[in-house]
Amino acid sequence: MIFPVILSGGSGSRLWPVSREHYPKQFLNLHKEDRSLLQEAAHRLNNVEDTGTPIVVCNEEHRFLVAEQMHQIGQQNTQIILEPCGRNTAPALALAALAARSVSADAELLVMPADHVIKNETAFAQAVTKGRALAAGGKLVTFGITPSSPQTGYGYIRRGNSLDEGYAVEAFVEKPDLARAKQYLESGEYLWNSGIFLFKASDYLAALSQFAPDILEVCERAFEARSEDLDFLRVDQEIFTQCRSESIDYAVMEQTKDAAVVPMDPGWSDIGAWDALYALKADEDTENGNAVHGDVMLHNTHDSLIHSESRLVAAVGVSNLVIVETDDAVLVADRHQAQDTKLIVNALKAAGRKESQSHQRVYRPWGNYRTMVLTDSFQVKEIVVNPGAKLSLQMHHHRAEHWVVVQGTAKVTQGEGHGDLSKLKSFLLSEDESTYIPLGTVHRLENPGVIPLHLIEVQTGSYLGEDDIIRYNDEYGRE
């Protein structure tokens, strides 16, 4: 049995402004209109034989996004391992290996990043089959992409002696300059490093014990002190933060003599920046070499990516540009310098600006909200509550709230006095009905219906920050 492991990390910096720290690219429908990259990663497992339910490793901030997106594609029993803090891939895979080994001593791990695109899923499945033959013999298998151009944004793998279903790994090579990348391509001896792996959990843990015993020791202690709630497996935060940050490449693959590589050419992309998305999408646009998304109008525009999220974007007489619009930011960049978008994100973080972290629409385990108007004394939000979901029983010290239902049915629970939990009453609101929640009143909003609940919330008060909240009861463990 293969235990698929999907690594759902990432900070969302190079595909800004569509990707943000709190909503990075794996949760976006960048390749297919009906699936996020995370959902694509889970879906491609349907073509691989003997696979079980995925294990997803993610951070605390993204836990409900992962759970909701996996539920949307029918993955109801996904095990979601929460990292209290990011420590790179070697510790993340140690946690996944420990979880898989606790179920089966012979567990095989198929490790995939959540944010990659693979167009030819049949070719991917065939490569996995070859990799299993090597993993059965104790090899730590990685999958190398047959290069089609001299890329400087990827690490490379130099293949060595031929094995039955692949090659021994001669060396892992850092991202090269253009001249060296051309040499790699011409030699035919190098493959792009995909970051996809296959090995027995026991073999990976044994390699960690040999080459990075400190990482294994901390992860074992953090895993032993784990707890479970809802869909989530939580490792001990205090212990796990003691682990050093290290990639599997540095910690294990570059050290071991058991590394093997299986070449494959499945139409792979890591969508590392806007130019990579352009290369993926431009093949689908036969006119003028443009890649477009959303409400876009073009005249005399060539070889550009134009991505609109919330309004009309028009481009006239330009070429080789990346133009990306969201409801709170616009990026314009030379397509060949798109990798430097992360420098803008770093500057936003240094300035303390929220545009580096979140969109106007913010996702919560119960649904989402979007800020429509924000001033010093009032704020207007659109709130969407999923069918059957409820917000926490809560109270605010500094603001009052007015709710108007515009679609669906709302169940409102409300106290009678400031912070009073003794006399709670519940009532229903239908479309075009409203209610008022005075400052300091305990309240809860839920959707008892079968369609999403949409309402408009007007907040008034001296302070409108999201941290002005006291939770008395919460379905999602946030008290």
Protein backbone atom coordinates (compact mmCIF):
# COMPACT_ATOMS: atom_id res chain seq x y z
CA MET A 1 0.00 0.00 0.00
CA ILE A 2 1.24 3.46 -0.94
CA PHE A 3 0.65 6.21 1.60
CA PRO A 4 0.48 9.41 -0.46
CA VAL A 5 1.96 12.43 1.33
CA ILE A 6 1.03 15.89 0.08
CA LEU A 7 3.23 18.70 1.38
CA SER A 8 1.11 21.83 1.60
CA GLY A 9 3.53 24.52 2.69
CA GLY A 10 4.67 27.73 1.01
CA SER A 11 4.37 31.43 1.66
CA GLY A 12 2.77 32.59 -1.58
CA SER A 13 5.36 35.25 -2.42
CA ARG A 14 6.23 34.66 -6.08
CA LEU A 15 2.63 34.58 -7.38
CA TRP A 16 1.59 37.70 -5.50
CA PRO A 17 -0.92 39.38 -5.55
CA VAL A 18 -3.18 36.38 -6.31
CA SER A 19 -1.25 34.18 -3.88
CA ARG A 20 -0.86 35.46 -0.31
CA GLU A 21 0.71 34.16 2.89
CA HIS A 22 -2.68 33.17 4.31
CA TYR A 23 -3.95 31.86 0.95
CA PRO A 24 -0.97 30.55 -1.06
CA LYS A 25 -1.00 29.08 -4.54
CA GLN A 26 -1.88 25.47 -3.65
CA PHE A 27 -5.41 26.62 -2.77
CA LEU A 28 -5.92 28.48 -6.06
CA ASN A 29 -7.45 27.21 -9.32
CA LEU A 30 -4.46 28.23 -11.41
CA HIS A 31 -4.40 25.33 -13.85
CA LYS A 32 -7.97 23.97 -13.96
CA GLU A 33 -11.09 26.04 -13.40
CA ASP A 34 -12.77 23.45 -11.18
CA ARG A 35 -9.87 22.32 -8.98
CA SER A 36 -7.17 23.93 -6.87
CA LEU A 37 -3.58 22.72 -7.16
CA LEU A 38 -4.01 20.86 -3.87
CA GLN A 39 -7.10 19.12 -5.23
CA GLU A 40 -5.25 18.27 -8.45
CA ALA A 41 -2.48 16.63 -6.42
CA ALA A 42 -5.02 14.45 -4.61
CA HIS A 43 -6.95 13.70 -7.81
CA ARG A 44 -3.92 12.45 -9.77
CA LEU A 45 -3.58 9.63 -7.24
CA ASN A 46 -6.66 8.03 -8.85
CA ASN A 47 -4.34 6.87 -11.64
CA VAL A 48 -1.79 5.29 -9.27
CA GLU A 49 -2.41 1.73 -8.13
CA ASP A 50 -2.56 0.68 -4.47
CA THR A 51 -2.82 4.18 -3.01
CA GLY A 52 -4.58 4.91 0.27
CA THR A 53 -6.09 8.10 1.62
CA PRO A 54 -3.60 10.99 1.47
CA ILE A 55 -1.68 12.36 4.41
CA VAL A 56 -1.47 16.14 4.11
CA VAL A 57 1.19 18.04 6.06
CA CYS A 58 0.40 21.73 6.47
CA ASN A 59 0.74 24.54 8.98
CA GLU A 60 -1.82 25.59 11.58
CA GLU A 61 -2.92 28.66 9.63
CA HIS A 62 -4.10 26.61 6.63
CA ARG A 63 -5.71 23.67 8.43
CA PHE A 64 -9.33 24.50 7.66
CA LEU A 65 -8.58 25.39 4.04
CA VAL A 66 -6.96 21.99 3.56
CA ALA A 67 -9.83 20.15 5.28
CA GLU A 68 -12.52 21.98 3.30
CA GLN A 69 -10.81 21.52 -0.08
CA MET A 70 -10.25 17.81 0.55
CA HIS A 71 -13.89 17.40 1.59
CA GLN A 72 -15.00 19.13 -1.62
CA ILE A 73 -13.43 16.35 -3.72
CA GLY A 74 -14.79 13.55 -1.55
CA GLN A 75 -11.67 12.90 0.54
CA GLN A 76 -13.47 12.58 3.87
CA ASN A 77 -10.83 10.65 5.83
CA THR A 78 -7.72 12.63 5.00
CA GLN A 79 -5.18 12.66 7.81
CA ILE A 80 -3.96 16.23 8.21
CA ILE A 81 -0.73 16.66 10.17
CA LEU A 82 -0.26 20.17 11.53
CA GLU A 83 3.18 21.69 11.85
CA PRO A 84 3.27 24.30 14.62
CA CYS A 85 5.94 26.13 12.60
CA GLY A 86 7.66 25.64 9.26
CA ARG A 87 10.82 23.51 9.44
CA ASN A 88 11.19 22.53 5.75
CA THR A 89 10.68 19.14 4.14
CA ALA A 90 12.94 16.79 6.13
CA PRO A 91 11.04 17.20 9.44
CA ALA A 92 7.66 17.32 7.64
CA LEU A 93 8.38 13.97 6.01
CA ALA A 94 9.63 12.54 9.30
CA LEU A 95 6.21 13.25 10.82
CA ALA A 96 4.44 11.68 7.83
CA ALA A 97 6.71 8.63 7.95
CA LEU A 98 6.07 8.15 11.66
CA ALA A 99 2.31 8.39 11.07
CA ALA A 100 2.42 5.88 8.20
CA ARG A 101 4.69 3.47 10.08
CA SER A 102 2.26 3.45 13.00
CA VAL A 103 -0.32 1.97 10.60
CA SER A 104 1.91 -0.33 8.53
CA ALA A 105 5.52 -1.36 9.08
CA ASP A 106 5.99 -1.70 5.29
CA ALA A 107 4.36 1.60 4.35
CA GLU A 108 5.60 3.25 1.15
CA LEU A 109 5.46 7.04 0.95
CA LEU A 110 4.74 8.81 -2.34
CA VAL A 111 5.66 12.42 -1.57
CA MET A 112 4.27 15.26 -3.69
CA PRO A 113 4.26 19.03 -3.23
CA ALA A 114 0.71 20.40 -3.24
CA ASP A 115 1.45 23.23 -5.65
CA HIS A 116 2.71 21.48 -8.79
CA VAL A 117 1.00 20.80 -12.11
CA ILE A 118 1.24 17.46 -13.91
CA LYS A 119 -0.64 17.38 -17.21
CA ASN A 120 -0.07 13.73 -18.16
CA GLU A 121 -1.24 11.76 -15.15
CA THR A 122 -0.81 8.43 -16.96
CA ALA A 123 2.90 9.13 -17.52
CA PHE A 124 3.19 10.07 -13.85
CA ALA A 125 1.55 6.81 -12.74
CA GLN A 126 3.89 4.80 -14.98
CA ALA A 127 6.90 6.51 -13.43
CA VAL A 128 5.59 5.72 -9.94
CA THR A 129 5.32 2.04 -10.89
CA LYS A 130 8.99 2.07 -11.93
CA GLY A 131 9.90 3.84 -8.73
CA ARG A 132 8.15 1.22 -6.60
CA ALA A 133 10.43 -1.48 -7.99
CA LEU A 134 13.45 0.52 -6.81
CA ALA A 135 11.90 1.44 -3.45
CA ALA A 136 11.18 -2.25 -2.80
CA GLY A 137 14.93 -2.80 -2.94
CA GLY A 138 15.64 -0.15 -0.32
CA LYS A 139 16.28 2.80 -2.63
CA LEU A 140 15.25 6.36 -1.79
CA VAL A 141 13.69 7.35 -5.09
CA THR A 142 13.26 10.80 -6.53
CA PHE A 143 11.69 11.66 -9.89
CA GLY A 144 13.64 13.78 -12.36
CA ILE A 145 11.95 15.77 -15.10
CA THR A 146 13.42 15.44 -18.58
CA PRO A 147 14.50 19.05 -19.32
CA SER A 148 13.10 20.79 -22.36
CA SER A 149 15.03 24.07 -22.02
CA PRO A 150 17.99 25.52 -20.09
CA GLN A 151 16.07 26.61 -16.99
CA THR A 152 17.90 28.53 -14.26
CA GLY A 153 15.06 28.37 -11.75
CA TYR A 154 15.29 24.64 -11.01
CA GLY A 155 17.75 22.45 -9.18
CA TYR A 156 19.20 19.59 -11.23
CA ILE A 157 19.99 15.91 -10.70
CA ARG A 158 22.93 14.29 -12.47
CA ARG A 159 22.12 10.68 -13.17
CA GLY A 160 24.73 7.96 -12.69
CA ASN A 161 24.84 4.25 -13.43
CA SER A 162 21.77 2.59 -14.89
CA LEU A 163 19.54 0.61 -12.54
CA ASP A 164 16.69 -1.71 -13.51
CA GLU A 165 14.02 0.99 -13.61
CA GLY A 166 16.05 4.17 -13.36
CA TYR A 167 19.49 5.47 -12.44
CA ALA A 168 21.66 5.93 -9.42
CA VAL A 169 21.97 9.58 -8.41
CA GLU A 170 25.44 10.90 -9.18
CA ALA A 171 24.85 14.37 -7.69
CA PHE A 172 22.28 16.99 -6.78
CA VAL A 173 23.14 20.35 -8.34
CA GLU A 174 22.02 23.82 -7.24
CA LYS A 175 20.22 26.19 -9.61
CA PRO A 176 22.74 27.05 -12.36
CA ASP A 177 23.40 30.19 -14.35
CA LEU A 178 22.24 30.20 -17.98
CA ALA A 179 25.54 29.06 -19.49
CA ARG A 180 25.76 26.06 -17.16
CA ALA A 181 22.08 25.24 -17.67
CA LYS A 182 22.73 25.05 -21.42
CA GLN A 183 25.61 22.65 -20.78
CA TYR A 184 23.38 20.48 -18.61
CA LEU A 185 20.73 20.33 -21.34
CA GLU A 186 23.22 19.46 -24.08
CA SER A 187 24.90 16.72 -22.04
CA GLY A 188 21.69 14.71 -21.61
CA GLU A 189 22.92 13.63 -18.17
CA TYR A 190 20.85 16.02 -16.08
CA LEU A 191 17.22 16.12 -14.99
CA TRP A 192 15.20 18.81 -13.25
CA ASN A 193 14.68 18.14 -9.56
CA SER A 194 10.90 17.76 -9.17
CA GLY A 195 10.76 17.44 -5.38
CA ILE A 196 8.68 14.24 -5.73
CA PHE A 197 9.88 11.16 -3.81
CA LEU A 198 9.03 7.52 -3.18
CA PHE A 199 10.46 5.29 -0.46
CA LYS A 200 9.57 3.05 2.41
CA ALA A 201 8.83 4.98 5.57
CA SER A 202 11.24 2.73 7.46
CA ASP A 203 14.06 3.40 4.97
CA TYR A 204 13.59 7.17 5.20
CA LEU A 205 13.57 7.10 9.00
CA ALA A 206 16.69 4.92 8.99
CA ALA A 207 18.44 7.40 6.70
CA LEU A 208 17.43 10.28 8.96
CA SER A 209 18.79 8.33 11.93
CA GLN A 210 22.12 8.04 10.12
CA PHE A 211 22.49 11.49 8.56
CA ALA A 212 20.29 13.81 10.66
CA PRO A 213 19.66 12.07 13.99
CA ASP A 214 18.85 15.34 15.74
CA ILE A 215 15.91 15.94 13.38
CA LEU A 216 14.57 12.43 13.89
CA GLU A 217 14.92 12.61 17.66
CA VAL A 218 12.92 15.85 17.93
CA CYS A 219 10.25 14.66 15.49
CA GLU A 220 9.83 11.36 17.33
CA ARG A 221 9.31 13.15 20.64
CA ALA A 222 6.89 15.68 19.09
CA PHE A 223 4.95 12.86 17.41
CA GLU A 224 4.76 10.79 20.61
CA ALA A 225 3.22 13.80 22.39
CA ARG A 226 0.63 14.31 19.62
CA SER A 227 -3.06 14.97 20.07
CA GLU A 228 -5.98 14.69 17.68
CA ASP A 229 -9.05 16.84 17.14
CA LEU A 230 -11.50 17.04 14.24
CA ASP A 231 -9.53 16.06 11.09
CA PHE A 232 -6.20 17.11 12.54
CA LEU A 233 -3.18 15.44 14.11
CA ARG A 234 -1.29 17.99 16.20
CA VAL A 235 2.31 17.35 17.16
CA ASP A 236 3.65 18.95 20.31
CA GLN A 237 4.43 22.60 19.60
CA GLU A 238 7.04 23.16 22.29
CA ILE A 239 9.04 20.12 21.20
CA PHE A 240 8.70 20.58 17.44
CA THR A 241 9.95 24.19 17.52
CA GLN A 242 13.30 22.82 18.76
CA CYS A 243 13.82 21.07 15.41
CA ARG A 244 16.22 22.68 12.95
CA SER A 245 14.95 23.58 9.50
CA GLU A 246 16.31 21.40 6.72
CA SER A 247 15.24 20.08 3.32
CA ILE A 248 15.16 16.38 2.51
CA ASP A 249 17.73 17.04 -0.21
CA TYR A 250 20.34 18.39 2.21
CA ALA A 251 19.45 16.17 5.18
CA VAL A 252 19.25 12.82 3.38
CA MET A 253 19.30 12.63 -0.42
CA GLU A 254 22.71 14.28 -0.88
CA GLN A 255 24.22 12.12 1.87
CA THR A 256 22.93 8.63 1.12
CA LYS A 257 24.37 6.13 -1.33
CA ASP A 258 20.88 4.69 -1.85
CA ALA A 259 19.46 7.63 -3.83
CA ALA A 260 17.93 6.69 -7.18
CA VAL A 261 16.18 8.74 -9.84
CA VAL A 262 13.43 7.80 -12.29
CA PRO A 263 13.20 10.12 -15.34
CA MET A 264 9.74 11.23 -16.42
CA ASP A 265 8.16 13.73 -18.77
CA PRO A 266 4.55 14.18 -17.59
CA GLY A 267 4.07 17.85 -18.45
CA TRP A 268 5.33 19.03 -15.08
CA SER A 269 5.55 22.57 -13.73
CA ASP A 270 6.10 23.89 -10.23
CA ILE A 271 4.46 27.22 -11.23
CA GLY A 272 7.27 28.92 -9.35
CA ALA A 273 6.45 32.39 -10.65
CA TRP A 274 4.22 34.21 -13.13
CA ASP A 275 6.50 33.40 -16.05
CA ALA A 276 6.04 29.70 -15.32
CA LEU A 277 2.26 30.11 -15.33
CA TYR A 278 2.57 32.01 -18.61
CA ALA A 279 4.50 29.10 -20.13
CA LEU A 280 1.80 26.72 -18.93
CA LYS A 281 -1.10 28.81 -20.20
CA ALA A 282 0.32 30.31 -23.38
CA ASP A 283 0.20 26.91 -25.05
CA GLU A 284 -3.58 27.11 -24.76
CA ASP A 285 -3.84 30.52 -26.46
CA THR A 286 -3.10 30.39 -30.15
CA GLU A 287 -3.51 34.12 -30.78
CA ASN A 288 -0.56 36.49 -30.24
CA GLY A 289 1.06 34.30 -27.58
CA ASN A 290 -0.97 35.76 -24.71
CA ALA A 291 -2.28 33.96 -21.62
CA VAL A 292 -5.41 35.58 -20.19
CA HIS A 293 -7.76 35.01 -17.29
CA GLY A 294 -10.90 36.90 -16.31
CA ASP A 295 -12.39 40.05 -17.82
CA VAL A 296 -9.62 41.09 -20.23
CA MET A 297 -9.59 43.15 -23.46
CA LEU A 298 -6.47 43.39 -25.62
CA HIS A 299 -5.32 45.37 -28.63
CA ASN A 300 -1.95 44.90 -30.31
CA THR A 301 -0.68 43.00 -27.25
CA HIS A 302 1.73 40.08 -27.53
CA ASP A 303 3.42 37.41 -25.42
CA SER A 304 1.90 38.64 -22.16
CA LEU A 305 0.04 37.23 -19.19
CA ILE A 306 -3.00 39.26 -18.16
CA HIS A 307 -4.91 38.02 -15.12
CA SER A 308 -8.04 39.79 -13.88
CA GLU A 309 -9.82 38.90 -10.64
CA SER A 310 -12.41 41.63 -10.02
CA ARG A 311 -12.69 44.12 -12.90
CA LEU A 312 -11.98 44.79 -16.56
CA VAL A 313 -8.28 44.93 -17.44
CA ALA A 314 -7.36 46.38 -20.85
CA ALA A 315 -3.91 46.33 -22.43
CA VAL A 316 -2.87 48.22 -25.57
CA GLY A 317 0.38 48.02 -27.50
CA VAL A 318 2.46 46.10 -24.98
CA SER A 319 4.44 42.87 -25.04
CA ASN A 320 6.25 40.53 -22.65
CA LEU A 321 4.38 41.82 -19.62
CA VAL A 322 2.75 40.26 -16.60
CA ILE A 323 -0.35 42.21 -15.51
CA VAL A 324 -2.19 40.79 -12.51
CA GLU A 325 -5.21 42.49 -10.90
CA THR A 326 -6.98 41.69 -7.63
CA ASP A 327 -9.48 43.77 -5.69
CA ASP A 328 -6.75 45.38 -3.56
CA ALA A 329 -3.54 45.28 -5.66
CA VAL A 330 -2.19 45.39 -9.22
CA LEU A 331 1.13 43.95 -10.38
CA VAL A 332 2.82 45.04 -13.63
CA ALA A 333 6.13 43.34 -14.41
CA ASP A 334 8.45 42.44 -17.25
CA ARG A 335 7.66 38.78 -17.87
CA HIS A 336 11.35 37.86 -17.77
CA GLN A 337 11.76 39.42 -14.32
CA ALA A 338 8.66 37.85 -12.80
CA GLN A 339 10.77 35.91 -10.27
CA ASP A 340 11.53 39.23 -8.55
CA THR A 341 7.91 39.65 -7.48
CA LYS A 342 8.98 38.19 -4.13
CA LEU A 343 11.08 41.34 -3.55
CA ILE A 344 7.89 43.41 -3.59
CA VAL A 345 6.33 41.00 -1.09
CA ASN A 346 9.37 41.34 1.17
CA ALA A 347 9.04 45.13 1.03
CA LEU A 348 5.32 44.90 1.88
CA LYS A 349 6.12 42.72 4.89
CA ALA A 350 8.82 45.11 6.05
CA ALA A 351 6.31 47.95 5.83
CA GLY A 352 3.74 45.97 7.82
CA ARG A 353 1.18 46.05 5.00
CA LYS A 354 -1.59 43.47 5.03
CA GLU A 355 -1.47 42.98 1.25
CA SER A 356 1.39 40.54 1.73
CA GLN A 357 -0.70 38.33 4.01
CA SER A 358 -4.36 38.25 3.03
CA HIS A 359 -6.92 39.19 0.41
CA GLN A 360 -9.99 41.33 0.90
CA ARG A 361 -11.83 37.99 1.09
CA VAL A 362 -10.70 36.06 4.14
CA TYR A 363 -11.46 32.36 4.57
CA ARG A 364 -12.61 30.84 7.84
CA PRO A 365 -13.64 27.26 8.75
CA TRP A 366 -17.31 28.30 8.59
CA GLY A 367 -17.09 30.18 5.25
CA ASN A 368 -15.58 33.54 4.34
CA TYR A 369 -15.98 37.30 4.55
CA ARG A 370 -14.98 40.23 2.36
CA THR A 371 -14.37 43.79 3.55
CA MET A 372 -16.31 46.17 1.30
CA VAL A 373 -15.84 49.48 3.15
CA LEU A 374 -13.46 50.30 6.01
CA THR A 375 -13.17 53.63 7.84
CA ASP A 376 -12.07 54.65 11.33
CA SER A 377 -15.61 54.37 12.73
CA PHE A 378 -17.48 51.82 10.61
CA GLN A 379 -16.88 48.77 8.43
CA VAL A 380 -19.09 46.96 5.92
CA LYS A 381 -18.55 43.25 5.22
CA GLU A 382 -20.09 40.61 3.01
CA ILE A 383 -20.31 37.38 5.04
CA VAL A 384 -20.87 33.91 3.57
CA VAL A 385 -21.66 31.00 5.92
CA ASN A 386 -21.55 27.47 4.54
CA PRO A 387 -24.63 25.22 4.90
CA GLY A 388 -24.73 23.71 8.39
CA ALA A 389 -21.82 25.84 9.64
CA LYS A 390 -21.80 28.18 12.62
CA LEU A 391 -19.57 30.91 13.95
CA SER A 392 -18.34 30.87 17.53
CA LEU A 393 -20.49 32.07 20.43
CA GLN A 394 -18.75 35.41 20.90
CA MET A 395 -18.78 38.98 22.17
CA HIS A 396 -17.08 42.25 21.17
CA HIS A 397 -16.03 44.99 23.60
CA HIS A 398 -15.72 47.86 21.14
CA ARG A 399 -18.22 47.41 18.33
CA ALA A 400 -21.88 46.83 17.54
CA GLU A 401 -23.09 44.92 14.48
CA HIS A 402 -26.06 45.21 12.13
CA TRP A 403 -26.90 42.13 10.04
CA VAL A 404 -29.03 42.08 6.86
CA VAL A 405 -29.75 38.69 5.24
CA VAL A 406 -29.59 38.88 1.43
CA GLN A 407 -29.71 35.14 0.63
CA GLY A 408 -30.55 32.03 2.64
CA THR A 409 -31.68 31.69 6.23
CA ALA A 410 -29.79 32.77 9.35
CA LYS A 411 -30.16 31.39 12.84
CA VAL A 412 -29.18 34.06 15.37
CA THR A 413 -28.42 33.35 19.03
CA GLN A 414 -28.26 36.44 21.21
CA GLY A 415 -27.93 37.35 24.89
CA GLU A 416 -29.89 40.04 26.70
CA GLY A 417 -27.15 42.02 28.44
CA HIS A 418 -23.45 42.90 28.38
CA GLY A 419 -21.58 39.58 28.43
CA ASP A 420 -24.70 37.78 29.75
CA LEU A 421 -24.63 34.03 29.03
CA SER A 422 -27.60 33.17 31.23
CA LYS A 423 -30.44 34.26 28.95
CA LEU A 424 -29.68 33.31 25.36
CA LYS A 425 -32.45 33.30 22.79
CA SER A 426 -32.44 32.04 19.20
CA PHE A 427 -34.51 33.16 16.21
CA LEU A 428 -34.48 32.85 12.42
CA LEU A 429 -33.96 35.58 9.84
CA SER A 430 -35.01 35.17 6.20
CA GLU A 431 -34.01 37.17 3.14
CA ASP A 432 -34.48 40.96 3.50
CA GLU A 433 -34.75 40.68 7.30
CA SER A 434 -32.24 42.20 9.72
CA THR A 435 -31.16 42.37 13.35
CA TYR A 436 -28.95 44.47 15.62
CA ILE A 437 -26.26 43.12 17.96
CA PRO A 438 -25.43 45.81 20.58
CA LEU A 439 -21.88 46.28 21.81
CA GLY A 440 -20.98 43.73 24.49
CA THR A 441 -23.83 41.34 23.62
CA VAL A 442 -23.08 37.62 23.42
CA HIS A 443 -24.13 36.30 20.00
CA ARG A 444 -23.74 33.55 17.43
CA LEU A 445 -24.56 33.27 13.71
CA GLU A 446 -25.23 29.98 11.97
CA ASN A 447 -26.66 28.65 8.73
CA PRO A 448 -29.34 25.98 9.30
CA GLY A 449 -30.16 25.75 5.60
CA VAL A 450 -28.87 23.80 2.60
CA ILE A 451 -27.66 26.78 0.55
CA PRO A 452 -24.93 29.28 1.51
CA LEU A 453 -26.05 32.12 3.76
CA HIS A 454 -25.11 35.59 2.48
CA LEU A 455 -25.49 38.64 4.67
CA ILE A 456 -24.23 42.18 4.91
CA GLU A 457 -22.69 43.19 8.23
CA VAL A 458 -22.24 46.82 9.25
CA GLN A 459 -19.89 47.29 12.20
CA THR A 460 -19.81 50.55 14.16
CA GLY A 461 -17.57 51.39 17.08
CA SER A 462 -14.33 52.85 18.38
CA TYR A 463 -12.21 49.82 17.34
CA LEU A 464 -12.91 47.42 14.48
CA GLY A 465 -9.93 45.04 14.61
CA GLU A 466 -10.43 41.29 14.22
CA ASP A 467 -8.76 40.73 17.61
CA ASP A 468 -11.70 42.36 19.44
CA ILE A 469 -13.39 39.04 20.08
CA ILE A 470 -14.11 36.88 23.12
CA ARG A 471 -15.06 33.30 22.18
CA TYR A 472 -17.16 31.33 24.69
CA ASN A 473 -17.79 28.29 22.52
CA ASP A 474 -16.37 27.27 19.16
CA GLU A 475 -16.87 24.29 16.87
CA TYR A 476 -13.31 24.57 15.62
CA GLY A 477 -11.28 24.61 18.82
CA ARG A 478 -10.53 28.36 18.81
CA GLU A 479 -11.75 29.29 22.31
